[in-house]
Protein backbone atom coordinates (compact mmCIF):
# COMPACT_ATOMS: atom_id res chain seq x y z
CA MET A 1 86.99 85.98 88.04
CA LYS A 2 90.87 86.66 88.11
CA LYS A 3 91.33 86.37 84.72
CA ILE A 4 88.43 88.91 83.92
CA SER A 5 90.06 90.99 86.63
CA ILE A 6 93.53 90.53 84.08
CA THR A 7 92.20 91.01 81.70
CA LEU A 8 90.20 94.37 82.74
CA PHE A 9 93.62 95.24 83.81
CA LEU A 10 95.57 94.95 80.78
CA ILE A 11 93.09 96.56 78.97
CA LEU A 12 92.96 99.72 80.67
CA PHE A 13 96.99 99.54 80.93
CA THR A 14 97.11 99.24 77.21
CA ILE A 15 95.02 103.03 76.71
CA ALA A 16 95.91 104.51 79.72
CA PRO A 17 98.90 103.35 81.42
CA THR A 18 99.86 106.00 83.49
CA PHE A 19 97.11 106.42 84.91
CA ALA A 20 97.00 102.53 86.82
CA HIS A 21 100.31 103.67 88.19
CA TYR A 22 101.75 104.98 90.88
CA LEU A 23 105.53 106.74 92.63
CA TRP A 24 106.38 104.88 95.45
CA LEU A 25 109.44 105.09 98.01
CA GLU A 26 111.49 102.16 98.78
CA THR A 27 114.39 102.50 101.50
CA ASN A 28 115.48 100.01 104.78
CA ARG A 29 112.76 100.49 107.65
CA THR A 30 116.29 99.97 110.12
CA GLY A 31 118.90 102.39 109.68
CA THR A 32 122.46 102.95 111.49
CA LEU A 33 124.11 106.18 112.91
CA GLY A 34 126.69 107.61 110.78
CA LYS A 35 126.04 105.26 107.97
CA ARG A 36 124.85 106.80 104.35
CA GLN A 37 120.80 105.09 104.15
CA GLU A 38 119.34 104.77 100.44
CA VAL A 39 116.31 105.78 99.00
CA ARG A 40 114.99 104.37 95.76
CA VAL A 41 111.98 106.06 94.10
CA HIS A 42 110.15 103.87 91.89
CA TYR A 43 106.97 103.81 89.20
CA GLY A 44 104.85 101.50 87.86
CA GLU A 45 102.33 98.57 88.83
CA TYR A 46 104.39 96.97 91.24
CA THR A 47 101.97 94.12 91.69
CA TYR A 48 101.97 93.72 87.88
CA GLY A 49 105.79 92.78 87.82
CA VAL A 50 105.57 96.99 85.87
CA VAL A 51 108.24 99.07 86.99
CA GLU A 52 109.27 101.92 84.86
CA LYS A 53 112.60 102.72 83.20
CA VAL A 54 113.62 106.16 84.20
CA GLN A 55 114.02 107.58 80.36
CA GLY A 56 111.13 105.42 79.17
CA GLU A 57 107.95 106.43 78.10
CA ASN A 58 106.40 106.98 81.18
CA PHE A 59 108.42 108.52 83.83
CA PRO A 60 109.21 111.75 82.84
CA SER A 61 105.81 112.84 82.63
CA VAL A 62 106.42 112.37 86.53
CA ALA A 63 109.71 113.19 87.31
CA LYS A 64 109.33 116.73 88.65
CA PHE A 65 109.41 115.16 92.36
CA ASP A 66 110.84 116.69 95.92
CA ILE A 67 112.00 114.53 98.47
CA TRP A 68 112.51 115.29 101.82
CA VAL A 69 113.94 113.78 105.27
CA VAL A 70 111.96 114.86 108.52
CA GLY A 71 114.28 113.91 111.51
CA PRO A 72 113.18 112.69 114.45
CA ASN A 73 113.84 116.78 115.92
CA GLY A 74 111.50 117.88 113.23
CA THR A 75 114.11 119.42 110.94
CA LYS A 76 113.50 119.19 107.34
CA THR A 77 116.12 118.34 104.52
CA ASN A 78 116.06 118.07 101.00
CA LEU A 79 116.98 114.88 99.63
CA HIS A 80 119.15 115.20 96.20
CA THR A 81 118.70 112.01 93.87
CA LYS A 82 120.52 111.13 90.55
CA ALA A 83 119.10 108.79 87.51
CA THR A 84 119.40 105.17 87.29
CA GLU A 85 118.52 102.57 84.76
CA SER A 86 114.93 101.66 86.62
CA TYR A 87 114.65 104.29 89.44
CA TYR A 88 115.72 107.44 90.73
CA VAL A 89 118.51 107.43 94.24
CA GLY A 90 119.33 109.62 96.97
CA HIS A 91 121.23 109.03 100.26
CA PHE A 92 121.50 110.73 103.77
CA THR A 93 122.78 110.08 106.78
CA PRO A 94 121.06 110.02 110.15
CA THR A 95 122.86 112.09 112.89
CA ILE A 96 120.49 111.72 115.76
CA ASN A 97 118.47 108.68 117.24
CA GLY A 98 114.68 108.45 116.62
CA THR A 99 111.96 108.23 113.53
CA TYR A 100 113.19 109.66 110.36
CA THR A 101 110.35 110.04 107.69
CA VAL A 102 111.56 110.21 104.20
CA VAL A 103 109.05 112.18 101.65
CA LEU A 104 107.97 112.05 98.05
CA ASN A 105 106.02 114.62 96.60
CA ASN A 106 104.90 115.68 93.19
CA ASN A 107 102.02 118.48 92.79
CA GLU A 108 103.59 118.89 89.16
CA ILE A 109 101.75 116.92 86.93
CA GLU A 110 100.24 117.86 83.29
CA VAL A 111 96.51 117.69 83.25
CA LEU A 112 94.90 114.96 81.62
CA ASP A 113 91.76 113.94 79.76
CA TYR A 114 90.35 110.79 80.21
CA THR A 115 86.62 111.36 79.24
CA GLN A 116 86.75 108.59 76.73
CA TRP A 117 87.44 106.63 79.17
CA ASP A 118 84.73 108.04 81.43
CA PHE A 119 87.44 109.38 83.89
CA GLY A 120 87.10 113.09 83.17
CA ILE A 121 89.52 115.96 83.05
CA PHE A 122 91.90 115.61 86.34
CA LYS A 123 95.24 116.96 87.78
CA THR A 124 97.00 114.14 89.58
CA HIS A 125 98.85 114.50 92.70
CA TYR A 126 101.23 111.94 94.08
CA HIS A 127 102.75 111.98 97.60
CA ALA A 128 104.51 108.79 99.23
CA THR A 129 106.41 108.17 102.59
CA ALA A 130 108.82 105.45 104.10
CA LYS A 131 109.59 105.37 107.64
CA VAL A 132 113.28 105.11 108.93
CA GLN A 133 113.92 103.80 112.56
CA VAL A 134 117.24 104.58 114.18
CA GLY A 135 117.62 103.34 117.35
CA SER A 136 115.16 102.09 119.63
CA PHE A 137 112.83 104.77 120.61
CA GLY A 138 110.37 105.27 117.76
CA SER A 139 107.53 107.48 116.89
CA ASP A 140 104.68 108.47 114.83
CA THR A 141 105.94 109.31 111.21
CA ALA A 142 105.62 112.92 110.12
CA ILE A 143 102.89 114.60 107.83
CA ILE A 144 103.97 117.83 105.76
CA ASN A 145 101.71 117.33 102.79
CA GLN A 146 98.79 119.88 103.68
CA GLU A 147 97.06 119.58 99.75
CA GLY A 148 96.86 116.33 99.38
CA ILE A 149 96.21 112.89 101.10
CA ALA A 150 99.42 111.61 103.38
CA ILE A 151 99.57 107.77 105.46
CA LYS A 152 101.36 108.05 108.37
CA GLU A 153 102.83 105.22 110.41
CA LEU A 154 101.39 105.01 114.34
CA GLN A 155 103.74 104.10 116.94
CA HIS A 156 102.02 101.10 118.58
CA GLU A 157 102.87 97.62 120.32
CA GLY A 158 102.74 94.29 118.47
CA ASP A 159 103.84 93.20 115.62
CA ASP A 160 101.10 94.58 113.29
CA ILE A 161 101.06 98.19 111.39
CA LYS A 162 99.01 100.66 111.77
CA LEU A 163 98.66 103.13 109.34
CA GLN A 164 96.57 106.36 109.45
CA VAL A 165 95.10 107.88 106.31
CA VAL A 166 95.22 112.33 106.62
CA PHE A 167 93.65 114.87 103.70
CA LYS A 168 94.59 118.34 103.94
CA GLY A 169 96.16 117.59 107.59
CA LYS A 170 92.90 115.35 108.90
CA PRO A 171 91.68 111.84 109.46
CA LEU A 172 89.98 110.41 106.06
CA PRO A 173 87.62 108.18 107.20
CA LYS A 174 86.43 105.23 104.96
CA ASN A 175 88.64 105.51 102.31
CA GLU A 176 89.57 102.46 99.82
CA PHE A 177 93.01 101.37 101.14
CA LYS A 178 94.84 98.21 98.90
CA ILE A 179 97.74 96.89 99.86
CA TYR A 180 99.81 94.86 97.08
CA VAL A 181 102.49 92.27 96.73
CA SER A 182 104.06 90.51 93.63
CA ASP A 183 101.82 87.89 91.34
CA LEU A 184 98.87 89.59 91.38
CA TRP A 185 97.75 89.40 95.27
CA THR A 186 95.90 92.50 96.19
CA LYS A 187 93.70 93.17 99.70
CA THR A 188 91.30 95.64 100.27
CA LEU A 189 90.30 97.60 103.29
CA GLU A 190 88.83 100.92 104.97
CA THR A 191 90.28 103.17 106.81
CA ASP A 192 87.36 103.49 110.20
CA ASP A 193 86.51 107.04 111.30
CA ASN A 194 89.36 108.15 112.35
CA GLY A 195 91.42 107.34 109.17
CA VAL A 196 93.55 104.22 110.50
CA VAL A 197 93.63 100.63 109.15
CA THR A 198 95.23 97.89 111.12
CA PHE A 199 97.24 94.89 109.21
CA ASP A 200 99.19 92.29 109.52
CA LEU A 201 102.18 91.84 107.15
CA PRO A 202 102.41 87.71 106.88
CA TRP A 203 105.41 86.80 104.34
CA ARG A 204 108.90 88.63 104.16
CA THR A 205 108.28 90.31 100.76
CA LYS A 206 107.93 93.78 99.35
CA TYR A 207 104.67 95.07 100.39
CA THR A 208 103.44 98.55 98.39
CA MET A 209 100.12 100.21 99.37
CA GLU A 210 98.15 102.84 97.72
CA THR A 211 94.93 105.72 98.84
CA THR A 212 93.32 107.33 96.36
CA PHE A 213 91.07 110.45 96.81
CA GLU A 214 88.80 112.29 94.16
CA GLU A 215 88.88 116.45 95.24
CA ARG A 216 85.51 117.28 93.65
CA VAL A 217 86.92 121.00 93.26
CA PRO A 218 87.59 122.50 89.15
CA GLY A 219 90.71 124.47 88.51
CA HIS A 220 93.23 125.92 85.82
CA TYR A 221 96.76 124.50 85.56
CA LYS A 222 99.39 125.32 83.02
CA GLY A 223 97.11 126.95 80.78
CA LYS A 224 94.51 123.92 80.63
CA ASP A 225 90.91 123.19 82.90
CA TYR A 226 90.72 120.49 85.15
CA GLU A 227 87.09 118.67 87.00
CA PHE A 228 89.19 117.27 89.71
CA ILE A 229 92.42 116.47 91.41
CA TRP A 230 92.96 112.36 92.09
CA HIS A 231 95.24 112.53 94.58
CA CYS A 232 97.85 109.33 95.34
CA ALA A 233 99.51 108.43 98.44
CA THR A 234 101.59 105.27 98.99
CA TYR A 235 103.38 103.55 101.54
CA CYS A 236 106.32 100.71 101.19
CA ILE A 237 107.39 98.12 103.55
CA THR A 238 109.82 95.29 102.89
CA LYS A 239 109.62 92.84 105.44
């Protein structure tokens, strides 16, 4: 069964490489007052070992993203990035204790026509979030995406992770949520009635998470009509 699944993915990846991809943020989950914090932007399919080059064939098509850092007091600061070979990188310096939320948004992606693969004509909206905790007093991460899907980390007692999936400011119930690690390991969950998923991170490794939603509302973008918007939100934790 695993061989069949891998074969199907490779076929899809060959004919439609950008559809299987997602953008995600990487940063240390623990920050320090007055110390510069690094944030990286990647594009690819982490569990399959695919990380696109910045100047490669696919990354430029999704590079018109914006990144903000939302501070514990709600201040929102634009994060400037520069390109390296395999990722974009930016930095910020925490000035007060609390929970910082790093947010990437890209709603400027060309309309794609995948009718030959029975998926339709759609516009993509990528969103990614990461948490940086400075000091011991934590809180929920911030949500600033009012036009699409986003992942919020909920503050709670315990070693497990509790996330909430939100669409246009409201919890998204019964939505598929995938957790990936390297070497093709994937776990699929479903959000509860409040859009929440709770899970453990059993290994000391990198976890990327993805959830998607098809907004079945047609529209027009840069001279092209589309049938729906494909929203994709990601979250990354390195343990």
